[in-house]
N, C-alpha and C. Protein backbone atom coordinates (compact mmCIF):
# COMPACT_ATOMS: atom_id res chain seq x y z
N GLN A 1 116.72 84.41 5.45
CA GLN A 1 117.16 83.16 6.07
C GLN A 1 118.01 83.63 7.53
N VAL A 2 117.54 83.01 8.65
CA VAL A 2 118.25 83.50 9.95
C VAL A 2 119.39 82.43 10.11
N GLN A 3 120.43 83.08 10.57
CA GLN A 3 121.70 82.30 11.18
C GLN A 3 121.69 82.52 12.65
N LEU A 4 122.20 81.49 13.24
CA LEU A 4 122.13 81.17 14.76
C LEU A 4 123.52 80.94 15.22
N VAL A 5 123.91 81.54 16.29
CA VAL A 5 125.24 81.32 16.95
C VAL A 5 125.09 81.29 18.48
N GLU A 6 125.37 80.19 19.06
CA GLU A 6 125.21 79.98 20.54
C GLU A 6 126.46 80.29 21.25
N SER A 7 126.30 80.66 22.42
CA SER A 7 127.43 80.76 23.32
C SER A 7 126.95 80.71 24.77
N GLY A 8 128.14 80.44 25.65
CA GLY A 8 127.66 80.34 26.97
C GLY A 8 127.96 78.93 27.73
N GLY A 9 128.37 78.05 26.83
CA GLY A 9 128.64 76.67 27.42
C GLY A 9 129.98 76.60 28.13
N GLY A 10 130.00 75.51 28.80
CA GLY A 10 131.30 75.33 29.72
C GLY A 10 131.32 74.21 30.56
N LEU A 11 132.21 74.10 31.54
CA LEU A 11 132.37 73.26 32.65
C LEU A 11 131.89 73.66 33.79
N VAL A 12 131.03 73.01 34.47
CA VAL A 12 130.37 73.27 35.75
C VAL A 12 130.19 72.18 36.62
N GLN A 13 130.06 72.50 37.83
CA GLN A 13 129.93 71.33 38.92
C GLN A 13 128.46 71.14 39.10
N ALA A 14 128.12 69.81 39.20
CA ALA A 14 126.75 69.42 39.70
C ALA A 14 126.12 70.43 40.74
N GLY A 15 124.88 70.82 40.41
CA GLY A 15 124.27 71.89 41.25
C GLY A 15 124.43 73.28 40.79
N GLY A 16 125.64 73.46 39.87
CA GLY A 16 125.69 74.73 39.41
C GLY A 16 124.74 75.33 38.39
N SER A 17 125.06 76.51 37.73
CA SER A 17 124.22 77.10 36.83
C SER A 17 124.97 77.61 35.64
N LEU A 18 124.43 77.64 34.46
CA LEU A 18 125.03 78.14 33.14
C LEU A 18 123.75 78.88 32.39
N ARG A 19 124.17 79.96 31.72
CA ARG A 19 123.13 80.48 30.95
C ARG A 19 123.63 80.47 29.40
N LEU A 20 122.96 79.81 28.47
CA LEU A 20 123.18 79.80 27.08
C LEU A 20 122.48 80.94 26.40
N SER A 21 123.20 81.39 25.41
CA SER A 21 122.44 82.41 24.52
C SER A 21 122.71 81.90 23.07
N CYS A 22 121.73 82.41 22.38
CA CYS A 22 121.67 82.10 20.80
C CYS A 22 121.31 83.31 20.14
N ALA A 23 122.34 83.86 19.57
CA ALA A 23 122.03 84.99 18.63
C ALA A 23 121.69 84.81 17.22
N ALA A 24 120.68 85.43 16.83
CA ALA A 24 120.16 85.39 15.43
C ALA A 24 120.39 86.64 14.65
N SER A 25 120.67 86.29 13.44
CA SER A 25 120.84 87.31 12.50
C SER A 25 119.63 87.35 11.62
N GLY A 26 119.22 88.36 10.96
CA GLY A 26 118.14 88.41 10.03
C GLY A 26 116.95 89.14 10.65
N GLY A 27 116.05 89.65 9.91
CA GLY A 27 114.88 90.30 10.31
C GLY A 27 113.65 89.55 10.71
N ILE A 28 113.63 88.18 10.48
CA ILE A 28 112.29 87.35 10.67
C ILE A 28 112.45 86.76 12.03
N PHE A 29 113.43 86.93 12.85
CA PHE A 29 113.48 86.35 14.11
C PHE A 29 112.03 86.45 15.14
N GLY A 30 111.58 87.52 15.08
CA GLY A 30 110.25 87.69 15.67
C GLY A 30 109.11 86.79 15.35
N ARG A 31 109.24 86.22 14.09
CA ARG A 31 108.19 85.26 13.67
C ARG A 31 108.46 83.87 13.66
N LEU A 32 109.69 83.43 14.49
CA LEU A 32 110.10 82.12 14.60
C LEU A 32 110.04 81.66 15.94
N THR A 33 109.24 80.68 15.90
CA THR A 33 109.32 79.71 17.39
C THR A 33 110.72 79.17 17.37
N MET A 34 111.30 79.15 18.60
CA MET A 34 112.80 78.84 18.81
C MET A 34 112.75 77.60 19.82
N ALA A 35 113.83 76.87 19.67
CA ALA A 35 113.92 75.84 20.70
C ALA A 35 115.44 75.41 20.99
N TRP A 36 115.62 74.89 22.04
CA TRP A 36 116.90 74.24 22.41
C TRP A 36 116.83 72.84 22.36
N PHE A 37 117.79 72.09 21.89
CA PHE A 37 117.82 70.67 21.73
C PHE A 37 119.27 70.25 22.38
N ARG A 38 119.45 69.12 22.55
CA ARG A 38 120.75 68.57 23.10
C ARG A 38 121.16 67.24 22.64
N GLN A 39 122.41 66.94 22.59
CA GLN A 39 122.70 65.61 22.08
C GLN A 39 123.97 65.18 22.92
N ALA A 40 123.75 64.15 23.72
CA ALA A 40 124.93 63.44 24.47
C ALA A 40 125.57 62.76 23.68
N LEU A 41 126.98 62.41 24.09
CA LEU A 41 127.69 61.44 23.33
C LEU A 41 126.94 59.95 23.22
N GLY A 42 126.79 59.54 22.06
CA GLY A 42 126.39 58.20 21.89
C GLY A 42 124.91 58.18 22.07
N LYS A 43 124.14 59.29 22.15
CA LYS A 43 122.72 59.39 22.28
C LYS A 43 122.13 60.22 21.22
N GLU A 44 120.71 60.06 20.83
CA GLU A 44 120.04 60.80 20.04
C GLU A 44 119.85 62.28 20.50
N ARG A 45 119.75 63.07 19.49
CA ARG A 45 119.34 64.55 19.93
C ARG A 45 118.05 64.45 20.71
N GLU A 46 117.92 65.35 21.55
CA GLU A 46 116.53 65.47 22.17
C GLU A 46 116.14 66.79 22.40
N PHE A 47 114.75 67.01 22.46
CA PHE A 47 114.33 68.38 22.73
C PHE A 47 114.53 68.64 24.13
N VAL A 48 114.75 70.01 24.31
CA VAL A 48 114.96 70.45 25.88
C VAL A 48 113.92 71.45 26.28
N ALA A 49 113.85 72.51 25.43
CA ALA A 49 112.69 73.55 25.68
C ALA A 49 112.44 74.24 24.48
N GLY A 50 111.28 74.91 24.34
CA GLY A 50 110.99 75.64 23.15
C GLY A 50 110.06 76.86 23.73
N ILE A 51 110.15 77.89 22.78
CA ILE A 51 109.33 79.18 23.14
C ILE A 51 108.78 79.77 21.73
N THR A 52 107.57 80.25 21.93
CA THR A 52 106.85 80.74 20.72
C THR A 52 107.48 81.94 20.41
N TYR A 53 107.02 82.46 19.06
CA TYR A 53 107.66 83.72 18.44
C TYR A 53 107.43 84.71 19.32
N SER A 54 106.30 84.86 19.86
CA SER A 54 105.89 86.05 20.83
C SER A 54 106.69 85.94 22.22
N GLY A 55 106.97 84.74 22.59
CA GLY A 55 107.47 84.54 24.02
C GLY A 55 106.42 84.25 24.90
N GLY A 56 105.16 84.09 24.34
CA GLY A 56 103.97 83.99 25.31
C GLY A 56 103.96 82.60 25.82
N THR A 57 104.49 81.61 25.19
CA THR A 57 104.21 80.24 25.56
C THR A 57 105.79 79.50 25.62
N THR A 58 105.85 78.75 26.60
CA THR A 58 107.09 77.86 26.59
C THR A 58 106.64 76.39 26.93
N TYR A 59 107.59 75.64 26.69
CA TYR A 59 107.30 74.07 26.78
C TYR A 59 108.70 73.60 27.11
N TYR A 60 108.73 72.47 28.14
CA TYR A 60 110.03 71.85 28.57
C TYR A 60 109.82 70.39 28.51
N ALA A 61 110.90 69.83 28.32
CA ALA A 61 110.99 68.36 28.40
C ALA A 61 110.90 68.03 30.12
N ASP A 62 110.42 66.88 30.33
CA ASP A 62 110.14 66.64 31.68
C ASP A 62 111.60 66.50 32.42
N SER A 63 112.67 66.09 31.73
CA SER A 63 113.84 65.95 32.44
C SER A 63 114.37 67.34 32.94
N VAL A 64 113.90 68.40 32.29
CA VAL A 64 114.64 69.76 32.66
C VAL A 64 113.57 70.66 33.40
N LYS A 65 112.25 70.36 33.49
CA LYS A 65 111.07 71.06 33.92
C LYS A 65 111.35 71.45 35.38
N GLY A 66 111.41 72.76 35.71
CA GLY A 66 111.60 73.24 37.00
C GLY A 66 113.15 73.53 37.27
N ARG A 67 113.94 73.24 36.43
CA ARG A 67 115.57 73.60 36.56
C ARG A 67 115.94 74.61 35.50
N PHE A 68 115.31 74.56 34.15
CA PHE A 68 115.74 75.24 33.16
C PHE A 68 114.62 76.17 32.71
N THR A 69 114.93 77.40 32.22
CA THR A 69 114.04 78.36 31.80
C THR A 69 114.54 78.88 30.51
N ILE A 70 113.60 78.86 29.59
CA ILE A 70 113.89 79.46 28.19
C ILE A 70 113.19 80.85 28.04
N SER A 71 113.90 81.79 27.44
CA SER A 71 113.43 83.13 27.30
C SER A 71 113.85 83.67 26.01
N ARG A 72 113.25 84.81 25.57
CA ARG A 72 113.81 85.47 24.32
C ARG A 72 113.76 86.99 24.47
N ASP A 73 114.53 87.62 23.65
CA ASP A 73 114.43 89.20 23.57
C ASP A 73 114.30 89.46 22.10
N ASN A 74 113.14 89.66 21.61
CA ASN A 74 113.10 89.92 20.20
C ASN A 74 113.54 91.23 19.76
N ALA A 75 113.70 92.26 20.56
CA ALA A 75 114.34 93.33 20.16
C ALA A 75 115.88 93.12 19.73
N ASN A 76 116.59 92.23 20.45
CA ASN A 76 117.79 92.01 20.19
C ASN A 76 118.12 90.43 19.52
N ASN A 77 116.98 89.94 19.05
CA ASN A 77 117.18 88.68 18.32
C ASN A 77 118.01 87.67 19.11
N THR A 78 117.64 87.52 20.34
CA THR A 78 118.40 86.55 21.12
C THR A 78 117.45 85.61 21.90
N VAL A 79 117.73 84.29 21.89
CA VAL A 79 117.01 83.38 22.89
C VAL A 79 117.88 82.79 23.89
N TYR A 80 117.47 82.57 25.08
CA TYR A 80 118.29 82.17 26.14
C TYR A 80 117.94 80.92 26.76
N LEU A 81 118.79 80.26 27.43
CA LEU A 81 118.39 78.99 28.17
C LEU A 81 119.22 79.12 29.49
N GLN A 82 118.47 79.36 30.59
CA GLN A 82 119.03 79.49 31.96
C GLN A 82 118.86 78.10 32.56
N MET A 83 120.07 77.47 32.95
CA MET A 83 120.13 76.03 33.52
C MET A 83 120.55 76.22 34.76
N ASN A 84 119.79 75.84 35.72
CA ASN A 84 120.07 75.80 37.11
C ASN A 84 120.01 74.28 37.77
N SER A 85 120.54 74.04 38.79
CA SER A 85 120.68 72.78 39.48
C SER A 85 121.18 71.69 38.42
N LEU A 86 122.13 71.78 37.85
CA LEU A 86 122.76 71.06 36.77
C LEU A 86 123.06 69.74 37.34
N LYS A 87 122.89 68.72 36.56
CA LYS A 87 123.36 67.32 36.82
C LYS A 87 124.03 66.93 35.82
N PRO A 88 125.00 65.96 36.16
CA PRO A 88 125.98 65.26 35.26
C PRO A 88 125.18 64.63 33.98
N GLU A 89 123.84 64.20 34.04
CA GLU A 89 123.06 63.83 32.88
C GLU A 89 122.65 64.90 31.96
N ASP A 90 123.11 66.12 32.47
CA ASP A 90 122.68 67.29 31.44
C ASP A 90 123.82 67.62 30.43
N THR A 91 125.07 66.90 30.73
CA THR A 91 126.07 66.87 29.88
C THR A 91 125.82 66.75 28.43
N ALA A 92 125.94 67.59 27.36
CA ALA A 92 125.63 67.45 25.93
C ALA A 92 126.13 68.67 25.27
N VAL A 93 126.01 68.40 24.02
CA VAL A 93 126.08 69.68 23.16
C VAL A 93 124.80 70.36 22.88
N TYR A 94 124.63 71.47 23.36
CA TYR A 94 123.28 72.03 23.15
C TYR A 94 123.26 72.97 21.87
N SER A 95 122.20 72.86 21.21
CA SER A 95 122.00 73.66 19.97
C SER A 95 120.62 74.49 19.88
N CYS A 96 120.64 75.64 19.50
CA CYS A 96 119.39 76.05 19.38
C CYS A 96 118.85 76.05 17.92
N ALA A 97 117.54 76.19 17.71
CA ALA A 97 116.97 75.90 16.45
C ALA A 97 115.69 76.70 16.13
N ALA A 98 115.56 76.98 14.84
CA ALA A 98 114.45 77.93 14.49
C ALA A 98 113.51 77.08 13.60
N ASP A 99 112.31 77.27 14.00
CA ASP A 99 111.24 76.42 13.21
C ASP A 99 111.12 76.71 11.80
N ARG A 100 110.76 75.72 10.98
CA ARG A 100 110.77 76.00 9.51
C ARG A 100 109.52 77.09 9.15
N ARG A 101 108.59 77.00 10.07
CA ARG A 101 107.29 77.79 9.65
C ARG A 101 107.34 79.00 10.51
N PHE A 102 106.86 79.99 9.92
CA PHE A 102 106.53 81.35 10.55
C PHE A 102 105.32 81.03 11.74
N LEU A 103 105.26 81.83 12.63
CA LEU A 103 104.25 81.79 13.75
C LEU A 103 103.66 80.39 14.04
N SER A 104 104.37 79.65 14.20
CA SER A 104 104.04 78.27 14.51
C SER A 104 104.13 78.06 16.10
N GLY A 105 103.31 76.89 16.49
CA GLY A 105 103.32 76.47 17.99
C GLY A 105 104.78 75.83 18.14
N ILE A 106 104.93 75.41 19.37
CA ILE A 106 106.11 74.66 19.81
C ILE A 106 106.05 73.23 19.31
N ARG A 107 107.07 72.78 18.69
CA ARG A 107 107.12 71.41 18.10
C ARG A 107 108.35 70.77 18.70
N THR A 108 108.33 69.58 19.05
CA THR A 108 109.44 69.05 19.81
C THR A 108 110.33 67.98 18.99
N VAL A 109 109.85 67.92 17.75
CA VAL A 109 110.59 66.94 16.74
C VAL A 109 111.64 67.78 16.08
N SER A 110 112.76 67.29 15.94
CA SER A 110 113.77 68.10 15.34
C SER A 110 113.67 68.40 14.08
N THR A 111 113.09 67.57 13.22
CA THR A 111 112.87 67.66 11.73
C THR A 111 112.00 68.97 11.43
N ASN A 112 111.19 69.38 12.36
CA ASN A 112 110.36 70.63 12.27
C ASN A 112 111.31 71.87 12.22
N TYR A 113 112.49 71.76 12.51
CA TYR A 113 113.35 72.97 12.62
C TYR A 113 114.36 73.07 11.63
N GLY A 114 114.46 74.24 10.66
CA GLY A 114 115.20 74.20 9.59
C GLY A 114 116.60 74.87 9.75
N THR A 115 116.68 75.59 10.94
CA THR A 115 118.01 76.41 10.91
C THR A 115 118.56 76.18 12.33
N TRP A 116 119.74 75.68 12.35
CA TRP A 116 120.31 75.29 13.58
C TRP A 116 121.85 76.04 13.79
N GLY A 117 122.16 76.31 15.13
CA GLY A 117 123.48 76.81 15.36
C GLY A 117 124.48 75.71 15.48
N GLN A 118 125.64 76.24 15.62
CA GLN A 118 126.84 75.09 15.64
C GLN A 118 126.96 74.44 16.89
N GLY A 119 126.16 74.73 17.87
CA GLY A 119 126.06 73.97 19.12
C GLY A 119 127.21 74.53 20.17
N THR A 120 127.00 74.31 21.44
CA THR A 120 127.83 74.76 22.55
C THR A 120 127.83 73.60 23.60
N GLU A 121 129.13 73.21 24.03
CA GLU A 121 129.08 72.14 24.88
C GLU A 121 129.16 72.52 26.36
N VAL A 122 128.25 71.75 26.87
CA VAL A 122 127.97 71.78 28.31
C VAL A 122 128.46 70.50 29.16
N THR A 123 129.42 70.71 30.19
CA THR A 123 129.79 69.54 30.70
C THR A 123 129.68 69.74 32.25
N VAL A 124 128.91 68.71 32.92
CA VAL A 124 128.60 68.88 34.32
C VAL A 124 129.36 67.80 35.04
N SER A 125 130.19 68.29 35.92
CA SER A 125 130.94 67.21 36.69
C SER A 125 130.35 66.84 37.86
N SER A 126 130.59 65.58 38.34
CA SER A 126 129.86 65.14 39.63
C SER A 126 130.73 65.53 40.76
């Protein structure tokens, strides 16, 4: 069972950047597709970005495409989310998640992910 711990959230002005990290424990990280989700106050959780277990394929929500980049370092069991050109509407709690299945493709529905981090808060001021 993998455990996930996010870091890197904070307060930033619109147009700024943040880099989120998600550190995983356990030896199976390299077989798990990973994703970032976010949940704004009063809204449902939404998919942000995903990356396959090998790192060879990524997928983004339309709302962040061209501004956010997901990457992973399997040697160090870490997945990242580089967020540039941040907007106030990006304000949310961001969580990383590991797919329930080994060696899966990228899935955007949260119920496909069985392990979640505690979340890190991102606030973008206008």
